[in-house]
């Protein structure tokens, strides 16, 4: 007979159990915005987490109280998110920070309005709605800040279905979708959110400040060498890292010998081992750069390659183009960033020879323009305004507790 093993709950069951550790407080309280985050580490505020905090900044003044809830255990005090920007004007009710991993259940109030930032946070709202329902109250509506088609992160199976189910709350859900491309895709899928507001993402404030400090005039690139910057995230299948490597090697083998100067290959995103190609060229992993270091690297690079098997335009190809790099990326399900900026070109990740050809075009264009200053041109997929102006112009409705 086969050996026996102990039952272990699926990851989603553990998440649901954590979400069920809510306790509805008695009495009437002023409305509170409850922002659900994947974590509360201040040193890992990039991309999606940064954008969620910007949306929280926009919504927070509309609510008397504000709380952030981490779905991961809180780090040490010195490593936690800095809430001081949210404390202005809240002397009587400063912002709170909590998680779902304490010894005591997390108290929620009937006046809470949730901002869910990724699909695993929606079960927290579901548990809250269940508490209200057991007291005969209607569920409060919630904001759902959708920054990618998260069901696509998983193969067809349970996690895919659960992520897709987070889009199934109808009139209770106000979907704030972080790109026009993604909003079009979700509309085609007919998920039927109660209301949908689509925004073009804003450039990260630190990167926008770096361009502003240059007067939006990009300095000349070096003419005696070539730097190619890859978005390297081997642990994220949607970024197609093997295709990045295959395309680089095809380019090195076919076109590198014709270049007279040295070539530097860099990878930024998540740390990985340096990759040595058969000709001895090496792709050096920079890992997760600080935003100042990332801006400096962009300003010294000539060509960027960043794939994304998703209807959402990831930030790197847009940031690369804004900083003057010639960019190779891919189209996907109606997404075509080559129409958003003249320096962005598409290549299918599954065809390395075509990626190499696109890299050759990018290198030729980059070297032709090296040595000359040029204006910074923002891709059309990005909003030219900062996040706060961006959200204000989007006219996001303000949600209130149900009567």
Protein backbone atom coordinates (compact mmCIF):
# COMPACT_ATOMS: atom_id res chain seq x y z
CA UNK A 1 0.00 0.00 0.00
CA UNK A 2 1.23 3.56 -0.67
CA UNK A 3 2.53 5.60 2.26
CA UNK A 4 0.10 7.96 3.96
CA UNK A 5 0.65 11.70 4.24
CA UNK A 6 -1.07 14.26 6.39
CA UNK A 7 -3.65 16.55 4.81
CA UNK A 8 -2.28 20.03 4.13
CA UNK A 9 -4.67 22.81 3.11
CA UNK A 10 -4.14 24.40 -0.29
CA UNK A 11 -2.56 27.83 -0.34
CA UNK A 12 -5.88 29.49 -1.12
CA UNK A 13 -7.47 27.74 1.87
CA UNK A 14 -4.76 29.13 4.13
CA UNK A 15 -5.40 32.60 2.67
CA UNK A 16 -9.14 32.22 3.26
CA UNK A 17 -8.50 31.07 6.81
CA UNK A 18 -6.41 34.17 7.42
CA UNK A 19 -9.12 36.36 5.92
CA UNK A 20 -11.70 34.74 8.18
CA UNK A 21 -9.73 35.92 11.22
CA UNK A 22 -11.78 39.11 11.24
CA UNK A 23 -14.01 40.29 14.06
CA UNK A 24 -16.80 42.80 13.53
CA UNK A 25 -16.55 45.47 16.21
CA UNK A 26 -19.69 46.62 17.93
CA UNK A 27 -21.03 50.15 17.64
CA UNK A 28 -20.99 52.78 14.95
CA UNK A 29 -17.71 54.18 13.68
CA UNK A 30 -16.76 56.73 11.02
CA UNK A 31 -15.91 55.24 7.62
CA UNK A 32 -12.40 53.84 7.33
CA UNK A 33 -10.39 53.09 4.21
CA UNK A 34 -8.71 49.70 4.66
CA UNK A 35 -5.88 49.17 2.18
CA UNK A 36 -4.84 45.54 1.67
CA UNK A 37 -1.18 45.13 0.69
CA UNK A 38 0.88 42.03 -0.12
CA UNK A 39 3.53 43.16 2.38
CA UNK A 40 4.65 46.14 4.48
CA UNK A 41 8.40 46.21 3.70
CA UNK A 42 9.53 49.75 2.97
CA UNK A 43 12.53 48.56 0.93
CA UNK A 44 10.33 46.68 -1.54
CA UNK A 45 8.03 49.47 -2.68
CA UNK A 46 8.31 49.13 -6.45
CA UNK A 47 5.94 48.86 -9.39
CA UNK A 48 2.54 47.65 -8.23
CA UNK A 49 2.95 48.36 -4.51
CA UNK A 50 4.13 51.89 -5.27
CA UNK A 51 1.08 52.48 -7.47
CA UNK A 52 -1.30 51.14 -4.80
CA UNK A 53 0.15 53.52 -2.25
CA UNK A 54 -0.38 56.38 -4.70
CA UNK A 55 -4.05 55.39 -5.06
CA UNK A 56 -4.32 55.16 -1.26
CA UNK A 57 -2.88 58.69 -1.03
CA UNK A 58 -5.58 59.91 -3.40
CA UNK A 59 -8.45 58.18 -1.61
CA UNK A 60 -7.32 58.66 2.01
CA UNK A 61 -8.45 62.31 2.46
CA UNK A 62 -12.01 61.22 1.60
CA UNK A 63 -12.20 58.99 4.69
CA UNK A 64 -11.98 59.97 8.36
CA UNK A 65 -9.85 56.93 9.16
CA UNK A 66 -7.17 54.96 7.34
CA UNK A 67 -5.63 51.54 7.89
CA UNK A 68 -3.15 49.39 5.98
CA UNK A 69 -3.42 45.62 6.35
CA UNK A 70 -0.52 43.42 5.23
CA UNK A 71 -1.27 39.91 4.07
CA UNK A 72 2.28 38.99 5.09
CA UNK A 73 3.60 39.18 8.66
CA UNK A 74 4.79 42.65 9.60
CA UNK A 75 8.57 43.13 9.44
CA UNK A 76 10.61 44.68 12.23
CA UNK A 77 9.61 48.23 13.06
CA UNK A 78 12.60 49.78 11.29
CA UNK A 79 11.79 47.95 8.06
CA UNK A 80 8.10 48.83 7.87
CA UNK A 81 6.37 51.17 5.47
CA UNK A 82 6.73 54.83 6.31
CA UNK A 83 3.19 56.06 6.98
CA UNK A 84 4.21 59.65 7.72
CA UNK A 85 3.06 60.91 4.28
CA UNK A 86 -0.42 59.64 5.17
CA UNK A 87 -0.45 61.26 8.61
CA UNK A 88 -0.81 64.86 7.44
CA UNK A 89 -4.14 66.26 8.53
CA UNK A 90 -4.90 63.15 10.58
CA UNK A 91 -3.81 64.25 14.03
CA UNK A 92 -6.98 62.90 15.62
CA UNK A 93 -6.88 59.60 13.73
CA UNK A 94 -3.38 58.72 12.49
CA UNK A 95 -3.06 55.89 9.95
CA UNK A 96 -2.83 52.36 11.32
CA UNK A 97 -0.79 49.36 10.20
CA UNK A 98 -1.85 45.79 10.94
CA UNK A 99 -1.63 42.27 9.50
CA UNK A 100 -3.64 39.06 9.56
CA UNK A 101 -1.05 37.09 11.50
CA UNK A 102 -1.43 38.40 15.05
CA UNK A 103 -2.69 36.40 18.02
CA UNK A 104 -5.97 38.30 18.16
CA UNK A 105 -8.52 38.60 15.33
CA UNK A 106 -8.37 41.79 13.32
CA UNK A 107 -11.23 44.11 14.26
CA UNK A 108 -13.24 45.52 11.36
CA UNK A 109 -16.05 48.05 11.47
CA UNK A 110 -19.32 48.16 9.56
CA UNK A 111 -18.09 51.43 8.04
CA UNK A 112 -14.93 49.96 6.49
CA UNK A 113 -14.32 50.40 2.77
CA UNK A 114 -11.67 48.05 1.35
CA UNK A 115 -9.05 48.77 -1.29
CA UNK A 116 -7.92 45.39 -2.63
CA UNK A 117 -4.60 45.50 -4.43
CA UNK A 118 -4.21 41.95 -5.79
CA UNK A 119 -6.41 38.90 -6.13
CA UNK A 120 -5.40 37.24 -2.87
CA UNK A 121 -6.66 40.29 -0.97
CA UNK A 122 -10.22 39.95 -2.31
CA UNK A 123 -11.01 37.03 0.07
CA UNK A 124 -10.40 39.46 2.94
CA UNK A 125 -13.21 41.65 1.63
CA UNK A 126 -15.33 38.52 1.07
CA UNK A 127 -14.86 37.53 4.72
CA UNK A 128 -15.80 41.08 5.78
CA UNK A 129 -18.91 41.00 3.57
CA UNK A 130 -19.84 37.68 5.16
CA UNK A 131 -19.63 39.18 8.65
CA UNK A 132 -21.94 42.00 7.60
CA UNK A 133 -24.33 39.55 5.98
CA UNK A 134 -24.63 37.48 9.15
CA UNK A 135 -25.84 40.62 10.89
CA UNK A 136 -28.38 41.34 8.19
CA UNK A 137 -26.34 44.16 6.64
CA UNK A 138 -25.58 44.56 2.94
CA UNK A 139 -21.97 44.24 1.85
CA UNK A 140 -19.99 47.45 1.51
CA UNK A 141 -18.60 48.06 -1.99
CA UNK A 142 -14.84 47.84 -2.49
CA UNK A 143 -12.14 49.25 -4.73
CA UNK A 144 -10.19 46.69 -6.74
CA UNK A 145 -6.97 48.14 -8.16
CA UNK A 146 -6.22 45.76 -11.04
CA UNK A 147 -2.68 46.05 -12.36
CA UNK A 148 -2.44 42.89 -14.45
CA UNK A 149 -4.51 39.95 -15.58
CA UNK A 150 -3.51 37.86 -12.58
CA UNK A 151 -5.30 34.64 -13.68
CA UNK A 152 -2.68 34.52 -16.42
CA UNK A 153 0.05 34.12 -13.80
CA UNK A 154 -0.99 30.49 -13.32
CA UNK A 155 -1.49 27.42 -15.52
CA UNK A 156 -5.09 26.32 -15.98
CA UNK A 157 -6.02 24.98 -12.57
CA UNK A 158 -7.25 26.04 -9.17
CA UNK A 159 -5.21 29.21 -8.72
CA UNK A 160 -6.20 30.39 -12.19
CA UNK A 161 -9.88 29.86 -11.37
CA UNK A 162 -9.59 31.53 -7.97
CA UNK A 163 -7.84 34.56 -9.41
CA UNK A 164 -10.52 34.85 -12.09
CA UNK A 165 -13.26 34.47 -9.47
CA UNK A 166 -11.99 37.65 -7.78
CA UNK A 167 -13.47 39.50 -10.79
CA UNK A 168 -16.95 38.15 -10.07
CA UNK A 169 -18.44 40.53 -7.50
CA UNK A 170 -20.52 42.64 -9.87
CA UNK A 171 -22.00 45.81 -8.43
CA UNK A 172 -19.98 45.49 -5.22
CA UNK A 173 -16.74 46.08 -7.13
CA UNK A 174 -15.35 49.34 -8.45
CA UNK A 175 -12.48 48.25 -10.69
CA UNK A 176 -9.67 50.78 -11.11
CA UNK A 177 -7.64 49.32 -13.99
CA UNK A 178 -4.03 50.41 -14.33
CA UNK A 179 -3.65 50.72 -18.12
CA UNK A 180 -5.92 51.25 -21.09
CA UNK A 181 -4.55 48.09 -22.72
CA UNK A 182 -5.50 45.94 -19.74
CA UNK A 183 -8.91 47.60 -19.46
CA UNK A 184 -9.68 46.71 -23.09
CA UNK A 185 -8.66 43.11 -22.47
CA UNK A 186 -10.83 42.80 -19.35
CA UNK A 187 -13.79 44.31 -21.21
CA UNK A 188 -13.37 41.70 -23.94
CA UNK A 189 -13.44 38.99 -21.27
CA UNK A 190 -16.82 40.38 -20.08
CA UNK A 191 -16.07 40.09 -16.39
CA UNK A 192 -18.85 42.54 -15.61
CA UNK A 193 -17.49 44.70 -12.82
CA UNK A 194 -20.01 47.05 -11.27
CA UNK A 195 -18.05 50.04 -12.50
CA UNK A 196 -14.71 50.36 -14.23
CA UNK A 197 -12.33 53.31 -14.29
CA UNK A 198 -9.27 52.93 -16.54
CA UNK A 199 -6.15 55.02 -16.03
CA UNK A 200 -2.88 55.20 -17.91
CA UNK A 201 -0.08 54.51 -15.41
CA UNK A 202 2.09 57.41 -14.36
CA UNK A 203 5.85 57.22 -14.44
CA UNK A 204 7.33 56.33 -11.07
CA UNK A 205 7.75 59.62 -9.16
CA UNK A 206 11.50 59.03 -8.59
CA UNK A 207 12.07 58.38 -12.30
CA UNK A 208 9.92 61.37 -13.25
CA UNK A 209 12.00 63.51 -10.90
CA UNK A 210 15.22 62.24 -12.50
CA UNK A 211 13.95 63.31 -15.94
CA UNK A 212 12.76 66.64 -14.57
CA UNK A 213 16.19 67.30 -13.04
CA UNK A 214 17.62 66.91 -16.55
CA UNK A 215 15.12 69.37 -17.94
CA UNK A 216 13.72 66.38 -19.87
CA UNK A 217 16.83 66.54 -22.05
CA UNK A 218 18.64 63.22 -22.20
CA UNK A 219 22.45 63.40 -22.18
CA UNK A 220 24.46 61.79 -25.00
CA UNK A 221 25.12 58.07 -24.75
CA UNK A 222 28.70 56.79 -25.01
CA UNK A 223 29.78 56.27 -28.62
CA UNK A 224 32.74 53.95 -28.00
CA UNK A 225 30.78 51.09 -26.45
CA UNK A 226 27.32 49.53 -26.35
CA UNK A 227 25.23 48.62 -23.30
CA UNK A 228 22.18 46.38 -23.58
CA UNK A 229 19.89 46.28 -20.54
CA UNK A 230 17.59 43.26 -20.11
CA UNK A 231 14.65 42.95 -17.75
CA UNK A 232 15.74 39.77 -16.03
CA UNK A 233 13.21 37.97 -13.85
CA UNK A 234 13.82 34.22 -14.25
CA UNK A 235 11.29 33.36 -11.54
CA UNK A 236 8.41 35.08 -13.36
CA UNK A 237 7.36 33.02 -16.40
CA UNK A 238 5.41 35.90 -17.93
CA UNK A 239 8.69 37.81 -18.45
CA UNK A 240 10.01 35.03 -20.73
CA UNK A 241 13.60 35.14 -19.46
CA UNK A 242 14.70 32.12 -21.57
CA UNK A 243 13.54 34.04 -24.66
CA UNK A 244 15.63 37.04 -23.59
CA UNK A 245 18.69 34.77 -23.38
CA UNK A 246 17.97 33.04 -26.69
CA UNK A 247 17.49 36.36 -28.46
CA UNK A 248 20.68 37.81 -27.00
CA UNK A 249 22.70 34.76 -28.02
CA UNK A 250 21.32 34.78 -31.57
CA UNK A 251 22.24 38.48 -31.78
CA UNK A 252 25.72 37.90 -30.34
CA UNK A 253 26.43 35.07 -32.76
CA UNK A 254 25.11 36.81 -35.89
CA UNK A 255 25.72 40.51 -35.39
CA UNK A 256 28.13 41.15 -32.52
CA UNK A 257 31.31 40.48 -34.62
CA UNK A 258 30.52 43.50 -36.82
CA UNK A 259 30.66 45.93 -33.90
CA UNK A 260 34.07 47.48 -33.24
CA UNK A 261 33.61 48.48 -29.60
CA UNK A 262 33.00 46.55 -26.39
CA UNK A 263 29.50 45.32 -25.53
CA UNK A 264 28.15 45.23 -21.96
CA UNK A 265 25.14 43.04 -21.20
CA UNK A 266 23.23 43.88 -18.01
CA UNK A 267 20.19 42.32 -16.35
CA UNK A 268 18.01 44.17 -13.84
CA UNK A 269 14.92 42.86 -12.07
CA UNK A 270 15.61 39.99 -9.69
CA UNK A 271 19.02 38.56 -8.79
CA UNK A 272 20.25 35.56 -10.74
CA UNK A 273 23.58 33.98 -11.62
CA UNK A 274 25.54 35.72 -14.34
CA UNK A 275 25.01 34.03 -17.71
CA UNK A 276 28.07 33.22 -19.88
CA UNK A 277 27.34 32.77 -23.58
CA UNK A 278 29.34 30.43 -25.86
CA UNK A 279 31.41 33.30 -27.26
CA UNK A 280 32.48 34.35 -23.76
CA UNK A 281 30.09 37.31 -23.47
CA UNK A 282 28.52 37.57 -20.04
CA UNK A 283 25.14 38.86 -18.93
CA UNK A 284 25.75 40.48 -15.54
CA UNK A 285 22.88 40.44 -13.06
CA UNK A 286 22.37 43.72 -11.20
CA UNK A 287 19.38 42.33 -9.32
CA UNK A 288 16.81 44.71 -7.87
CA UNK A 289 18.27 48.20 -8.22
CA UNK A 290 17.37 51.19 -6.11
CA UNK A 291 15.43 53.76 -8.09
CA UNK A 292 18.39 56.20 -8.28
CA UNK A 293 20.66 53.39 -9.49
CA UNK A 294 18.01 52.24 -11.95
CA UNK A 295 17.72 55.77 -13.39
CA UNK A 296 21.51 56.02 -13.69
CA UNK A 297 21.65 52.63 -15.45
CA UNK A 298 18.95 53.68 -17.90
CA UNK A 299 20.86 56.84 -18.75
CA UNK A 300 24.02 54.85 -19.56
CA UNK A 301 22.30 52.13 -21.61
CA UNK A 302 21.64 52.12 -25.33
CA UNK A 303 19.20 49.24 -25.89
CA UNK A 304 16.61 47.56 -23.69
CA UNK A 305 14.87 44.20 -23.99
CA UNK A 306 11.84 43.41 -21.82
CA UNK A 307 9.19 40.80 -22.59
CA UNK A 308 5.79 40.44 -20.95
CA UNK A 309 3.34 37.64 -21.80
CA UNK A 310 0.41 39.66 -20.54
CA UNK A 311 -2.17 42.15 -21.84
CA UNK A 312 -0.81 44.68 -19.36
CA UNK A 313 2.19 46.77 -20.46
CA UNK A 314 4.84 46.22 -17.82
CA UNK A 315 6.74 49.30 -16.73
CA UNK A 316 10.29 48.46 -17.92
CA UNK A 317 9.83 48.86 -21.70
CA UNK A 318 7.95 52.12 -21.14
CA UNK A 319 10.59 53.39 -18.70
CA UNK A 320 13.39 52.38 -21.05
CA UNK A 321 11.81 54.27 -23.94
CA UNK A 322 11.18 57.35 -21.77
CA UNK A 323 14.89 57.39 -20.88
CA UNK A 324 15.97 57.21 -24.51
CA UNK A 325 16.74 53.51 -25.00
CA UNK A 326 15.85 51.65 -28.18
CA UNK A 327 13.54 48.91 -26.92
CA UNK A 328 12.62 45.36 -27.96
CA UNK A 329 9.42 44.00 -26.41
CA UNK A 330 6.43 41.94 -27.57
CA UNK A 331 2.81 42.37 -28.53
CA UNK A 332 0.15 40.34 -26.71
CA UNK A 333 -3.64 39.97 -27.05
CA UNK A 334 -4.22 43.41 -28.54
CA UNK A 335 -1.39 45.13 -26.65
CA UNK A 336 1.04 46.81 -29.06
CA UNK A 337 3.49 49.20 -27.41
CA UNK A 338 5.21 49.88 -30.72
CA UNK A 339 2.37 52.31 -31.43
CA UNK A 340 3.09 54.14 -28.17
CA UNK A 341 6.66 55.28 -28.89
CA UNK A 342 8.93 55.40 -31.96
CA UNK A 343 11.79 53.65 -30.13
CA UNK A 344 9.72 50.55 -29.19
CA UNK A 345 9.64 47.58 -31.58
CA UNK A 346 7.99 44.18 -31.24
CA UNK A 347 9.48 40.72 -31.51
CA UNK A 348 7.78 37.39 -30.72
CA UNK A 349 9.56 35.83 -27.72
CA UNK A 350 8.99 32.35 -29.12
CA UNK A 351 11.10 33.15 -32.23
CA UNK A 352 14.69 33.94 -31.21
CA UNK A 353 15.82 34.75 -34.76
CA UNK A 354 13.22 37.52 -34.98
CA UNK A 355 14.25 38.80 -31.55
CA UNK A 356 17.86 38.93 -32.75
CA UNK A 357 16.80 40.84 -35.86
CA UNK A 358 14.87 43.33 -33.72
CA UNK A 359 17.92 43.72 -31.50
CA UNK A 360 20.01 44.43 -34.57
CA UNK A 361 17.59 47.21 -35.59
CA UNK A 362 17.62 48.61 -32.05
CA UNK A 363 21.42 48.57 -31.85
CA UNK A 364 21.77 50.27 -35.24
CA UNK A 365 19.32 53.01 -34.24
CA UNK A 366 20.93 53.48 -30.82
CA UNK A 367 24.47 53.81 -32.16
CA UNK A 368 23.31 56.19 -34.88
CA UNK A 369 21.92 58.52 -32.22
CA UNK A 370 24.65 58.06 -29.63
CA UNK A 371 26.73 61.10 -28.85
CA UNK A 372 23.82 63.46 -29.37
CA UNK A 373 21.53 64.85 -26.67
CA UNK A 374 17.83 64.35 -27.28
CA UNK A 375 14.53 65.24 -25.61
CA UNK A 376 12.85 62.68 -23.39
CA UNK A 377 9.67 61.42 -25.07
CA UNK A 378 7.10 59.76 -22.85
CA UNK A 379 5.33 56.72 -24.37
CA UNK A 380 1.65 57.28 -25.09
CA UNK A 381 0.78 54.36 -22.78
CA UNK A 382 1.99 56.46 -19.82
CA UNK A 383 0.13 59.41 -18.36
CA UNK A 384 2.18 62.63 -18.52
CA UNK A 385 0.80 63.72 -15.14
CA UNK A 386 1.78 62.50 -11.71
CA UNK A 387 -0.37 59.89 -10.01
CA UNK A 388 -2.44 62.33 -7.96
CA UNK A 389 -3.41 64.48 -10.94
CA UNK A 390 -3.91 61.28 -12.93
CA UNK A 391 -6.40 59.83 -10.42
CA UNK A 392 -8.20 63.15 -10.02
CA UNK A 393 -8.76 63.47 -13.76
CA UNK A 394 -10.02 59.89 -13.90
CA UNK A 395 -12.95 60.95 -11.70
CA UNK A 396 -12.82 57.84 -9.50
CA UNK A 397 -16.12 57.58 -7.61
CA UNK A 398 -15.86 57.67 -3.82
CA UNK A 399 -17.38 54.60 -2.20
CA UNK A 400 -19.45 54.81 0.97
CA UNK A 401 -20.71 52.12 3.36
CA UNK A 402 -23.99 50.53 2.33
CA UNK A 403 -27.06 51.74 4.18
